[in-house]
N, C-alpha and C. Protein backbone atom coordinates (compact mmCIF):
# COMPACT_ATOMS: atom_id res chain seq x y z
N UNK A 1 28.41 14.81 -27.63
CA UNK A 1 28.44 13.64 -27.23
C UNK A 1 28.73 13.18 -26.15
N UNK A 2 29.52 13.63 -25.63
CA UNK A 2 30.33 13.77 -24.48
C UNK A 2 29.50 13.96 -23.33
N UNK A 3 29.08 15.00 -22.77
CA UNK A 3 27.96 15.25 -22.55
C UNK A 3 26.73 14.42 -22.42
N UNK A 4 26.52 14.02 -23.03
CA UNK A 4 25.27 13.14 -22.59
C UNK A 4 25.42 11.70 -22.32
N UNK A 5 27.05 11.36 -23.03
CA UNK A 5 27.09 10.41 -22.03
C UNK A 5 27.66 10.29 -20.52
N UNK A 6 28.28 11.40 -19.90
CA UNK A 6 28.46 11.80 -18.92
C UNK A 6 27.34 12.01 -18.07
N UNK A 7 26.09 12.20 -18.60
CA UNK A 7 24.86 12.45 -17.94
C UNK A 7 24.13 11.28 -17.91
N UNK A 8 24.18 10.95 -18.62
CA UNK A 8 23.65 9.36 -18.83
C UNK A 8 24.60 8.28 -17.90
N UNK A 9 25.40 8.58 -17.60
CA UNK A 9 26.50 7.33 -16.55
C UNK A 9 25.92 8.22 -15.20
N UNK A 10 25.31 9.50 -14.82
CA UNK A 10 25.50 9.96 -13.56
C UNK A 10 23.89 9.73 -13.37
N UNK A 11 23.05 9.75 -14.19
CA UNK A 11 21.34 9.25 -14.36
C UNK A 11 21.55 7.73 -13.71
N UNK A 12 22.40 6.89 -14.17
CA UNK A 12 22.02 5.74 -13.83
C UNK A 12 22.69 5.88 -12.64
N UNK A 13 23.98 5.85 -12.11
CA UNK A 13 24.68 6.02 -10.76
C UNK A 13 23.24 6.49 -9.56
N UNK A 14 23.02 7.63 -9.99
CA UNK A 14 21.54 8.06 -8.96
C UNK A 14 20.85 7.01 -8.87
N UNK A 15 20.18 6.48 -9.84
CA UNK A 15 19.06 5.61 -10.11
C UNK A 15 19.58 4.30 -9.23
N UNK A 16 20.78 3.74 -9.11
CA UNK A 16 21.27 2.74 -8.62
C UNK A 16 21.08 3.08 -7.01
N UNK A 17 21.76 4.14 -6.81
CA UNK A 17 21.69 4.80 -5.64
C UNK A 17 20.61 5.23 -4.60
N UNK A 18 19.66 5.54 -5.56
CA UNK A 18 18.15 5.73 -4.96
C UNK A 18 17.72 4.10 -4.80
N UNK A 19 17.66 3.18 -5.76
CA UNK A 19 17.14 2.07 -5.64
C UNK A 19 17.82 1.51 -4.11
N UNK A 20 18.84 1.42 -3.92
CA UNK A 20 19.83 0.67 -2.90
C UNK A 20 19.22 1.34 -1.58
N UNK A 21 18.79 2.63 -1.57
CA UNK A 21 18.53 3.64 -0.48
C UNK A 21 17.18 3.37 0.03
N UNK A 22 16.18 3.20 -1.19
CA UNK A 22 14.71 2.74 -0.86
C UNK A 22 14.94 1.01 -0.17
N UNK A 23 15.44 0.28 -1.14
CA UNK A 23 15.19 -0.99 -0.29
C UNK A 23 15.72 -0.80 0.90
N UNK A 24 16.93 -0.43 1.30
CA UNK A 24 17.15 -0.27 2.84
C UNK A 24 16.42 0.09 3.68
N UNK A 25 15.71 0.94 3.24
CA UNK A 25 14.50 1.82 4.10
C UNK A 25 13.62 0.75 4.42
N UNK A 26 13.25 -0.22 3.08
CA UNK A 26 12.02 -0.79 3.26
C UNK A 26 12.20 -1.81 4.43
N UNK A 27 13.31 -2.50 4.28
CA UNK A 27 13.94 -3.53 5.07
C UNK A 27 13.97 -3.06 6.59
N UNK A 28 14.27 -1.65 6.46
CA UNK A 28 14.35 -0.97 8.11
C UNK A 28 12.78 -1.31 8.78
N UNK A 29 12.02 -0.68 7.46
CA UNK A 29 10.48 -0.47 8.30
C UNK A 29 9.86 -1.73 8.16
N UNK A 30 10.21 -2.63 7.76
CA UNK A 30 9.07 -4.04 7.79
C UNK A 30 9.23 -4.36 8.80
N UNK A 31 7.64 -4.81 9.05
CA UNK A 31 7.83 -5.70 10.24
C UNK A 31 8.25 -7.46 10.38
N UNK A 32 8.65 -7.65 11.44
CA UNK A 32 9.43 -8.78 11.68
C UNK A 32 8.20 -10.07 11.11
N UNK A 33 7.21 -9.43 11.92
CA UNK A 33 6.14 -10.27 11.52
C UNK A 33 5.06 -9.69 11.25
N UNK A 34 3.86 -10.46 10.72
CA UNK A 34 2.45 -9.91 10.57
C UNK A 34 1.62 -9.34 11.48
N UNK A 35 1.39 -8.62 12.28
CA UNK A 35 0.53 -8.53 13.01
C UNK A 35 -0.65 -9.28 13.00
N UNK A 36 -1.67 -10.20 14.25
CA UNK A 36 -2.50 -11.04 13.80
C UNK A 36 -3.18 -10.28 14.14
N UNK A 37 -3.80 -8.89 14.13
CA UNK A 37 -4.66 -7.92 14.16
C UNK A 37 -5.08 -7.67 12.93
N UNK A 38 -3.96 -7.74 12.24
CA UNK A 38 -4.50 -7.21 11.02
C UNK A 38 -5.35 -8.16 9.93
N UNK A 39 -5.42 -9.36 10.22
CA UNK A 39 -5.66 -10.63 10.01
C UNK A 39 -7.25 -11.16 10.32
N UNK A 40 -7.60 -10.08 11.59
CA UNK A 40 -8.78 -10.37 11.93
C UNK A 40 -10.12 -9.85 11.17
N UNK A 41 -11.44 -9.84 11.56
CA UNK A 41 -12.42 -9.39 10.85
C UNK A 41 -12.15 -7.85 10.74
N UNK A 42 -12.54 -7.26 9.80
CA UNK A 42 -12.61 -6.05 10.21
C UNK A 42 -14.09 -5.14 9.30
N UNK A 43 -14.26 -4.05 9.81
CA UNK A 43 -15.87 -3.81 8.89
C UNK A 43 -15.12 -2.46 7.92
N UNK A 44 -15.58 -3.07 6.76
CA UNK A 44 -15.15 -1.61 5.82
C UNK A 44 -15.95 -0.66 5.74
N UNK A 45 -15.85 0.67 5.53
CA UNK A 45 -16.76 1.91 5.25
C UNK A 45 -18.19 1.85 4.69
N UNK A 46 -17.96 0.83 3.93
CA UNK A 46 -19.19 0.48 3.29
C UNK A 46 -20.22 -0.13 4.62
N UNK A 47 -19.59 -1.18 5.32
CA UNK A 47 -20.54 -1.64 6.59
C UNK A 47 -19.99 -3.59 6.01
N UNK A 48 -19.94 -3.13 5.18
CA UNK A 48 -19.20 -4.88 4.83
C UNK A 48 -17.75 -5.21 5.73
N UNK A 49 -18.06 -6.67 6.09
CA UNK A 49 -17.18 -7.33 7.15
C UNK A 49 -16.04 -8.42 5.59
N UNK A 50 -14.73 -7.76 6.15
CA UNK A 50 -13.84 -8.51 5.96
C UNK A 50 -12.89 -9.27 6.82
N UNK A 51 -12.16 -9.99 6.13
CA UNK A 51 -11.20 -11.08 7.32
C UNK A 51 -9.87 -11.28 5.85
N UNK A 52 -8.91 -10.30 6.66
CA UNK A 52 -7.53 -10.23 5.43
C UNK A 52 -6.81 -12.10 5.14
N UNK A 53 -7.06 -12.35 6.52
CA UNK A 53 -7.09 -14.14 6.37
C UNK A 53 -7.53 -14.79 5.55
N UNK A 54 -9.17 -14.76 5.39
CA UNK A 54 -9.76 -15.42 4.47
C UNK A 54 -9.46 -15.27 3.24
N UNK A 55 -9.40 -14.09 3.03
CA UNK A 55 -9.14 -13.06 1.48
C UNK A 55 -8.10 -13.69 0.97
N UNK A 56 -6.87 -13.71 1.99
CA UNK A 56 -5.18 -14.31 1.42
C UNK A 56 -4.67 -15.47 0.90
N UNK A 57 -6.20 -16.67 1.37
CA UNK A 57 -6.17 -17.79 1.32
C UNK A 57 -6.61 -18.29 0.04
N UNK A 58 -7.33 -17.50 -0.75
CA UNK A 58 -7.69 -17.39 -2.09
C UNK A 58 -6.70 -17.09 -2.63
N UNK A 59 -5.95 -16.00 -2.79
CA UNK A 59 -4.77 -15.48 -3.79
C UNK A 59 -4.07 -14.07 -2.93
N UNK A 60 -3.10 -13.80 -3.41
CA UNK A 60 -2.68 -12.63 -2.49
C UNK A 60 -3.10 -11.37 -2.52
N UNK A 61 -3.29 -10.86 -1.89
CA UNK A 61 -4.07 -9.30 -1.37
C UNK A 61 -3.07 -8.32 -1.16
N UNK A 62 -3.51 -7.12 -1.70
CA UNK A 62 -2.60 -5.98 -1.13
C UNK A 62 -3.28 -5.12 -0.24
N UNK A 63 -2.61 -4.68 0.43
CA UNK A 63 -2.96 -4.32 1.54
C UNK A 63 -2.21 -2.77 1.37
N UNK A 64 -2.93 -1.88 1.53
CA UNK A 64 -2.65 0.10 1.18
C UNK A 64 -2.94 0.49 2.23
N UNK A 65 -1.97 0.92 3.31
CA UNK A 65 -1.94 2.08 4.30
C UNK A 65 -1.88 3.23 3.75
N UNK A 66 -2.89 4.17 3.77
CA UNK A 66 -2.47 6.09 3.16
C UNK A 66 -3.53 6.38 3.84
N UNK A 67 -3.83 7.79 4.05
CA UNK A 67 -3.99 8.87 4.53
C UNK A 67 -4.39 9.79 3.77
N UNK A 68 -5.77 11.10 4.05
CA UNK A 68 -6.18 11.61 3.06
C UNK A 68 -5.22 13.13 3.39
N UNK A 69 -4.56 13.00 4.24
CA UNK A 69 -3.41 13.90 4.01
C UNK A 69 -2.04 14.21 4.11
N UNK A 70 -1.96 12.78 3.35
CA UNK A 70 -0.88 12.43 2.71
C UNK A 70 -0.20 12.72 1.39
N UNK A 71 0.60 13.67 1.08
CA UNK A 71 0.85 14.04 -0.20
C UNK A 71 1.28 13.25 -1.26
N UNK A 72 1.94 11.84 -0.42
CA UNK A 72 2.72 10.95 -1.37
C UNK A 72 1.26 10.01 -2.14
N UNK A 73 0.16 9.98 -1.15
CA UNK A 73 -1.09 9.30 -1.28
C UNK A 73 -1.96 9.64 -2.40
N UNK A 74 -1.96 10.94 -2.70
CA UNK A 74 -2.66 11.48 -3.57
C UNK A 74 -2.30 11.15 -4.85
N UNK A 75 -0.88 10.89 -4.89
CA UNK A 75 -0.36 10.51 -6.59
C UNK A 75 -0.25 9.02 -6.56
N UNK A 76 -0.72 8.21 -5.52
CA UNK A 76 -0.78 6.54 -5.20
C UNK A 76 -2.25 6.11 -5.47
N UNK A 77 -2.76 6.67 -4.48
CA UNK A 77 -4.38 6.39 -4.59
C UNK A 77 -5.02 6.32 -6.07
N UNK A 78 -4.83 7.71 -7.01
CA UNK A 78 -5.58 6.98 -7.95
C UNK A 78 -5.47 5.83 -8.89
N UNK A 79 -3.54 5.16 -8.63
CA UNK A 79 -3.15 3.87 -9.05
C UNK A 79 -3.98 2.72 -8.25
N UNK A 80 -3.77 3.03 -7.12
CA UNK A 80 -4.71 1.69 -6.52
C UNK A 80 -5.70 1.56 -6.88
N UNK A 81 -6.57 2.79 -7.25
CA UNK A 81 -8.07 2.44 -7.59
C UNK A 81 -8.50 2.07 -8.75
N UNK A 82 -7.49 2.33 -9.55
CA UNK A 82 -7.48 1.63 -11.00
C UNK A 82 -7.40 -0.07 -11.05
N UNK A 83 -5.98 -0.02 -10.04
CA UNK A 83 -5.99 -1.77 -10.07
C UNK A 83 -6.95 -2.14 -9.14
N UNK A 84 -7.73 -1.78 -8.43
CA UNK A 84 -8.75 -2.27 -7.81
C UNK A 84 -10.29 -2.25 -8.77
N UNK A 85 -10.05 -1.75 -9.61
CA UNK A 85 -11.23 -1.58 -10.59
C UNK A 85 -11.16 -2.74 -11.59
N UNK A 86 -9.75 -3.08 -11.79
CA UNK A 86 -9.35 -4.05 -12.30
C UNK A 86 -9.25 -5.49 -11.99
N UNK A 87 -9.68 -5.50 -10.88
CA UNK A 87 -9.94 -6.97 -10.32
C UNK A 87 -8.71 -7.45 -9.41
N UNK A 88 -7.77 -6.60 -9.32
CA UNK A 88 -6.92 -6.94 -7.95
C UNK A 88 -7.36 -6.80 -7.27
N UNK A 89 -6.99 -7.88 -6.22
CA UNK A 89 -7.87 -7.79 -4.68
C UNK A 89 -7.10 -6.74 -3.89
N UNK A 90 -7.74 -6.11 -3.58
CA UNK A 90 -7.17 -4.82 -2.43
C UNK A 90 -8.13 -4.73 -1.39
N UNK A 91 -7.25 -4.12 -0.21
CA UNK A 91 -8.18 -3.65 0.75
C UNK A 91 -7.17 -2.67 1.54
N UNK A 92 -7.77 -1.29 1.90
CA UNK A 92 -6.99 -0.42 2.28
C UNK A 92 -7.28 0.10 3.82
N UNK A 93 -6.50 0.80 4.04
CA UNK A 93 -6.61 1.14 5.52
C UNK A 93 -6.13 2.75 5.48
N UNK A 94 -7.64 3.51 5.42
CA UNK A 94 -6.81 5.10 5.80
C UNK A 94 -6.71 5.36 7.32
N UNK A 95 -5.39 5.80 7.42
CA UNK A 95 -4.94 6.34 8.64
C UNK A 95 -5.02 7.62 9.24
N UNK A 96 -5.93 7.95 10.44
CA UNK A 96 -6.30 8.88 10.89
C UNK A 96 -6.24 10.04 9.94
N UNK A 97 -7.59 9.62 9.21
CA UNK A 97 -8.39 10.47 7.87
C UNK A 97 -9.70 10.78 8.36
N UNK A 98 -10.25 10.88 9.52
CA UNK A 98 -11.35 11.69 10.12
C UNK A 98 -12.34 10.55 10.36
N UNK A 99 -13.49 11.28 10.25
CA UNK A 99 -14.74 10.53 10.74
C UNK A 99 -15.21 10.15 9.54
N UNK A 100 -15.58 8.87 9.21
CA UNK A 100 -16.21 7.72 8.18
C UNK A 100 -16.78 8.74 7.36
N UNK A 101 -17.90 9.20 7.73
CA UNK A 101 -18.92 10.23 6.38
C UNK A 101 -17.85 10.94 5.98
N UNK A 102 -17.08 11.84 6.60
CA UNK A 102 -15.78 12.70 5.81
C UNK A 102 -15.02 11.96 4.56
N UNK A 103 -14.63 10.61 5.21
CA UNK A 103 -13.38 9.90 4.31
C UNK A 103 -14.40 9.61 3.02
N UNK A 104 -15.63 9.04 3.40
CA UNK A 104 -16.33 8.59 2.08
C UNK A 104 -16.83 9.87 1.38
N UNK A 105 -16.70 11.02 1.64
CA UNK A 105 -17.29 12.42 0.59
C UNK A 105 -15.96 12.49 -0.07
N UNK A 106 -14.89 12.43 0.79
CA UNK A 106 -13.52 12.72 0.04
C UNK A 106 -12.94 11.81 -1.03
N UNK A 107 -13.47 10.70 -0.56
CA UNK A 107 -12.81 9.32 -1.59
C UNK A 107 -13.91 9.67 -2.83
N UNK A 108 -15.49 9.91 -2.89
CA UNK A 108 -16.07 9.90 -3.90
C UNK A 108 -15.72 11.39 -4.63
N UNK A 109 -15.31 12.72 -3.84
CA UNK A 109 -14.70 13.45 -4.95
C UNK A 109 -13.70 13.32 -5.49
N UNK A 110 -12.81 12.92 -5.32
CA UNK A 110 -11.48 12.18 -6.19
C UNK A 110 -11.64 10.77 -6.60
N UNK A 111 -13.38 10.48 -6.61
CA UNK A 111 -13.12 9.05 -7.29
C UNK A 111 -12.37 8.11 -7.20
N UNK A 112 -12.01 7.52 -5.80
CA UNK A 112 -11.68 6.46 -5.79
C UNK A 112 -12.58 5.43 -5.17
N UNK A 113 -12.48 4.10 -5.77
CA UNK A 113 -13.08 3.46 -5.38
C UNK A 113 -12.51 1.77 -4.82
N UNK A 114 -11.80 1.86 -4.08
CA UNK A 114 -11.02 0.54 -3.54
C UNK A 114 -11.58 0.66 -2.32
N UNK A 115 -11.84 -0.48 -1.74
CA UNK A 115 -12.45 -1.01 -0.16
C UNK A 115 -11.16 -0.18 0.47
N UNK A 116 -12.31 0.38 1.56
CA UNK A 116 -11.53 0.83 2.64
C UNK A 116 -12.06 0.72 4.50
N UNK A 117 -10.65 0.36 5.00
CA UNK A 117 -11.02 0.17 6.41
C UNK A 117 -10.48 1.83 7.24
N UNK A 118 -11.36 2.51 8.08
CA UNK A 118 -11.13 3.85 8.79
C UNK A 118 -10.42 3.34 9.83
N UNK A 119 -9.08 3.75 9.68
CA UNK A 119 -8.66 3.80 10.97
C UNK A 119 -8.27 5.20 11.60
N UNK A 120 -9.45 5.62 12.17
CA UNK A 120 -9.58 6.68 12.83
C UNK A 120 -8.43 7.26 13.74
N UNK A 121 -8.43 6.40 14.30
CA UNK A 121 -7.07 6.30 15.81
C UNK A 121 -5.79 6.23 15.50
N UNK A 122 -5.44 5.29 14.64
CA UNK A 122 -4.14 4.68 14.04
C UNK A 122 -3.61 3.63 14.53
N UNK A 123 -4.78 2.89 15.72
CA UNK A 123 -4.30 2.05 16.23
C UNK A 123 -4.13 0.86 15.45
N UNK A 124 -4.89 0.36 14.54
CA UNK A 124 -4.66 -0.73 13.37
C UNK A 124 -3.47 -0.89 12.82
N UNK A 125 -2.68 0.45 12.37
CA UNK A 125 -1.79 0.72 11.54
C UNK A 125 -0.75 0.95 12.91
N UNK A 126 -0.80 1.04 13.83
CA UNK A 126 0.25 1.38 15.05
C UNK A 126 0.86 -0.44 14.93
N UNK A 127 -0.49 -0.97 15.71
CA UNK A 127 -0.27 -2.67 15.94
C UNK A 127 0.49 -3.41 14.57
N UNK A 128 0.19 -2.82 13.49
CA UNK A 128 0.89 -3.89 12.14
C UNK A 128 2.19 -3.14 12.11
N UNK A 129 2.78 -1.93 12.70
CA UNK A 129 4.29 -1.32 12.86
C UNK A 129 4.09 -0.50 11.57
N UNK A 130 3.21 0.25 10.89
CA UNK A 130 3.18 0.80 9.70
C UNK A 130 3.71 2.30 10.03
N UNK A 131 4.69 2.65 9.58
CA UNK A 131 5.52 4.09 10.31
C UNK A 131 5.61 4.93 9.21
N UNK A 132 5.08 4.46 7.97
CA UNK A 132 5.02 5.86 6.71
C UNK A 132 3.86 5.49 6.00
N UNK A 133 3.45 6.52 5.38
CA UNK A 133 2.29 6.47 3.92
C UNK A 133 2.92 6.95 2.71
N UNK A 134 2.79 6.62 1.88
CA UNK A 134 2.17 5.10 1.79
C UNK A 134 2.45 3.95 2.08
N UNK A 135 2.09 3.03 2.42
CA UNK A 135 2.45 1.75 2.67
C UNK A 135 2.24 0.44 1.97
N UNK A 136 2.56 -0.42 1.35
CA UNK A 136 1.97 -1.53 0.82
C UNK A 136 2.53 -2.82 0.99
N UNK A 137 1.82 -3.49 1.29
CA UNK A 137 1.98 -5.08 1.72
C UNK A 137 1.40 -5.84 1.38
N UNK A 138 1.80 -7.41 0.60
CA UNK A 138 1.19 -8.04 0.29
C UNK A 138 1.03 -8.89 0.88
N UNK A 139 -0.08 -9.94 1.30
CA UNK A 139 -0.34 -11.02 1.93
C UNK A 139 -0.58 -12.25 1.12
N UNK A 140 -0.41 -13.33 1.39
CA UNK A 140 -0.37 -14.27 0.79
C UNK A 140 -0.75 -15.91 1.95
N UNK A 141 -2.16 -15.98 2.10
CA UNK A 141 -2.12 -17.34 2.86
C UNK A 141 -1.68 -16.67 4.06
N UNK A 142 -2.02 -15.35 4.57
CA UNK A 142 -1.91 -14.91 5.95
C UNK A 142 -0.69 -14.80 6.42
N UNK A 143 0.42 -14.46 5.51
CA UNK A 143 1.78 -14.31 5.51
C UNK A 143 2.03 -13.08 4.66
N UNK A 144 3.29 -12.04 4.87
CA UNK A 144 3.38 -10.79 5.05
C UNK A 144 4.51 -11.33 3.67
N UNK A 145 4.75 -11.24 2.39
CA UNK A 145 5.11 -11.68 1.27
C UNK A 145 5.69 -10.57 0.56
N UNK A 146 5.67 -9.12 0.89
CA UNK A 146 6.53 -8.25 0.54
C UNK A 146 5.84 -7.09 1.12
N UNK A 147 6.65 -5.86 1.19
CA UNK A 147 6.50 -4.71 1.88
C UNK A 147 7.29 -3.56 1.53
N UNK A 148 6.57 -2.39 0.81
CA UNK A 148 7.07 -1.17 0.63
C UNK A 148 6.48 0.12 0.91
N UNK A 149 7.30 1.22 1.51
CA UNK A 149 6.75 2.02 1.68
C UNK A 149 6.78 3.48 0.68
N UNK A 150 6.29 4.52 0.42
CA UNK A 150 6.47 5.53 -0.48
C UNK A 150 6.05 5.51 -1.85
N UNK A 151 6.22 6.10 -2.78
CA UNK A 151 5.63 6.08 -4.05
C UNK A 151 5.60 4.83 -4.47
N UNK A 152 5.16 4.10 -5.30
CA UNK A 152 5.26 2.71 -6.03
C UNK A 152 4.50 3.04 -7.37
N UNK A 153 4.96 2.61 -8.45
CA UNK A 153 4.45 2.80 -9.67
C UNK A 153 3.20 1.49 -9.84
N UNK A 154 2.18 1.81 -10.70
CA UNK A 154 1.21 0.67 -10.92
C UNK A 154 2.09 -0.55 -11.29
N UNK A 155 2.95 -0.52 -12.23
CA UNK A 155 3.72 -1.70 -13.00
C UNK A 155 4.53 -2.63 -11.34
N UNK A 156 5.03 -1.58 -10.92
CA UNK A 156 5.81 -2.13 -9.42
C UNK A 156 4.67 -2.84 -8.56
N UNK A 157 3.54 -2.53 -8.20
CA UNK A 157 2.48 -3.49 -7.60
C UNK A 157 2.02 -4.80 -8.29
N UNK A 158 1.90 -4.23 -9.76
CA UNK A 158 1.58 -5.54 -10.45
C UNK A 158 2.38 -6.67 -10.13
N UNK A 159 4.19 -5.99 -10.41
CA UNK A 159 4.85 -7.14 -10.14
C UNK A 159 4.76 -7.42 -8.77
N UNK A 160 4.72 -7.31 -7.62
CA UNK A 160 4.62 -7.91 -6.57
C UNK A 160 3.88 -8.58 -6.44
N UNK A 161 2.48 -8.31 -7.10
CA UNK A 161 1.40 -8.92 -6.65
C UNK A 161 1.98 -10.88 -7.63
N UNK A 162 2.09 -10.45 -8.59
CA UNK A 162 2.86 -11.27 -9.35
C UNK A 162 3.66 -12.46 -8.56
N UNK A 163 4.48 -11.72 -8.06
CA UNK A 163 5.45 -12.61 -7.67
C UNK A 163 5.09 -13.18 -6.49
N UNK A 164 4.13 -13.02 -5.65
CA UNK A 164 3.34 -13.18 -4.66
C UNK A 164 2.81 -14.93 -5.08
N UNK A 165 2.31 -14.29 -6.52
CA UNK A 165 1.39 -15.75 -6.82
C UNK A 165 2.10 -17.05 -7.01
N UNK A 166 3.43 -16.94 -6.95
CA UNK A 166 4.25 -18.04 -6.89
C UNK A 166 4.56 -18.43 -5.54
C-alpha cells in the first residue's frame, strides 16, 4: 500500500511539472499578435476560397497547423478529422507537405476529412509565427484567443473552443 501511495504522489508531481512546462512553452511560442495574413482569403486544396476573418465572426474557429512528416500530427490529425466531421469549425494548414495532389492523396489514404490550406513553402506558417507542429489556434472575431502546440486531446480542443465562445 505504501508503494502505491508513493507512486501516486510521484505521478501527480510529474503531471504538475509537465503541465507547468508545457504551459510555459506555449506562452513562449505564442505570437504576440495574430498576423493579418492569416485572416486574409485563402484557397483550400478543394479549390474553395475561405476567409478566417469572416468565418471567425460567426463563431470561434480552430486553426490546426500540421505536416504530413510530423509524427505527433499522425496522432492528432484523426482527432481533428473527427471533430471536423462532428461540426466543429476547423481550417487546417499543412506545412511543407508537398504538392497539393500528393497531400490530397495522403489525406484520403488516412481518411482525414478536414478543410486544408496547403502551405507548400511554409510562408504562411512563418508569417504567423508557428514554430512547432502540431499547433492549434482558436480565433474568435479575428482575434487569437487560444494557442497551444504539441499533442492535445479531443477534450482539450473541445474545452478551448467552449471557452472561446464566452
